[in-house]
Amino acid sequence: MSKHNSLKISGGATGKRSVLKRFERVKLLKERGQWKEGQSPVGLPKTKSEE
């Protein structure tokens, strides 16, 4: 059984994501100096990626 043409992804499988995963947000906050060691990763502030 094959995929219908309307279900196929054109132009590659990946695109630019507008949402960061939790570990990406922690990494970005560390780079900006806004992360305190021992801080809970739950309830992080919203961050925009630099890309």
C-alpha atoms as a PDB file:
ATOM      1  CA  MET A   1       0.000   0.000   0.000  1.00  0.00           C
ATOM      2  CA  SER A   2       1.413   3.389  -0.913  1.00  0.00           C
ATOM      3  CA  LYS A   3       0.904   6.887   0.450  1.00  0.00           C
ATOM      4  CA  HIS A   4      -1.562   9.171  -1.233  1.00  0.00           C
ATOM      5  CA  ASN A   5       0.104  12.157  -2.941  1.00  0.00           C
ATOM      6  CA  SER A   6      -1.637  14.657  -0.656  1.00  0.00           C
ATOM      7  CA  LEU A   7      -0.017  13.062   2.411  1.00  0.00           C
ATOM      8  CA  LYS A   8       3.556  13.254   1.170  1.00  0.00           C
ATOM      9  CA  ILE A   9       5.814  16.009   2.483  1.00  0.00           C
ATOM     10  CA  SER A  10       7.319  18.175  -0.204  1.00  0.00           C
ATOM     11  CA  GLY A  11      10.580  20.062   0.120  1.00  0.00           C
ATOM     12  CA  GLY A  12      12.195  17.869   2.745  1.00  0.00           C
ATOM     13  CA  ALA A  13      11.155  16.357   6.014  1.00  0.00           C
ATOM     14  CA  THR A  14      12.256  19.150   8.331  1.00  0.00           C
ATOM     15  CA  GLY A  15      11.359  22.779   8.553  1.00  0.00           C
ATOM     16  CA  LYS A  16      12.083  25.608  10.953  1.00  0.00           C
ATOM     17  CA  ARG A  17      10.458  24.983  14.307  1.00  0.00           C
ATOM     18  CA  SER A  18       9.046  27.970  16.175  1.00  0.00           C
ATOM     19  CA  VAL A  19       8.892  26.098  19.492  1.00  0.00           C
ATOM     20  CA  LEU A  20      11.941  25.022  21.485  1.00  0.00           C
ATOM     21  CA  LYS A  21      12.094  21.841  23.516  1.00  0.00           C
ATOM     22  CA  ARG A  22      12.770  22.141  27.250  1.00  0.00           C
ATOM     23  CA  PHE A  23      16.451  21.159  27.036  1.00  0.00           C
ATOM     24  CA  GLU A  24      16.955  23.672  24.207  1.00  0.00           C
ATOM     25  CA  ARG A  25      15.386  26.429  26.305  1.00  0.00           C
ATOM     26  CA  VAL A  26      17.625  25.581  29.289  1.00  0.00           C
ATOM     27  CA  LYS A  27      20.694  25.633  27.037  1.00  0.00           C
ATOM     28  CA  LEU A  28      19.690  29.013  25.587  1.00  0.00           C
ATOM     29  CA  LEU A  29      19.052  30.477  29.051  1.00  0.00           C
ATOM     30  CA  LYS A  30      22.487  29.239  30.204  1.00  0.00           C
ATOM     31  CA  GLU A  31      24.133  30.930  27.223  1.00  0.00           C
ATOM     32  CA  ARG A  32      22.329  34.192  28.053  1.00  0.00           C
ATOM     33  CA  GLY A  33      23.262  33.950  31.730  1.00  0.00           C
ATOM     34  CA  GLN A  34      19.627  33.781  32.844  1.00  0.00           C
ATOM     35  CA  TRP A  35      19.810  30.242  34.285  1.00  0.00           C
ATOM     36  CA  LYS A  36      20.603  29.602  37.950  1.00  0.00           C
ATOM     37  CA  GLU A  37      22.056  26.223  38.913  1.00  0.00           C
ATOM     38  CA  GLY A  38      19.543  24.149  40.838  1.00  0.00           C
ATOM     39  CA  GLN A  39      16.620  25.986  39.240  1.00  0.00           C
ATOM     40  CA  SER A  40      13.641  23.828  38.327  1.00  0.00           C
ATOM     41  CA  PRO A  41      13.228  23.241  34.578  1.00  0.00           C
ATOM     42  CA  VAL A  42       9.451  23.281  35.052  1.00  0.00           C
ATOM     43  CA  GLY A  43       7.725  26.581  34.317  1.00  0.00           C
ATOM     44  CA  LEU A  44      10.498  28.121  32.236  1.00  0.00           C
ATOM     45  CA  PRO A  45       9.951  31.581  30.768  1.00  0.00           C
ATOM     46  CA  LYS A  46       9.122  31.816  27.085  1.00  0.00           C
ATOM     47  CA  THR A  47      12.231  32.216  24.945  1.00  0.00           C
ATOM     48  CA  LYS A  48      12.702  32.969  21.287  1.00  0.00           C
ATOM     49  CA  SER A  49      15.386  31.164  19.357  1.00  0.00           C
ATOM     50  CA  GLU A  50      18.194  33.219  17.916  1.00  0.00           C
ATOM     51  CA  GLU A  51      17.755  31.742  14.443  1.00  0.00           C
END
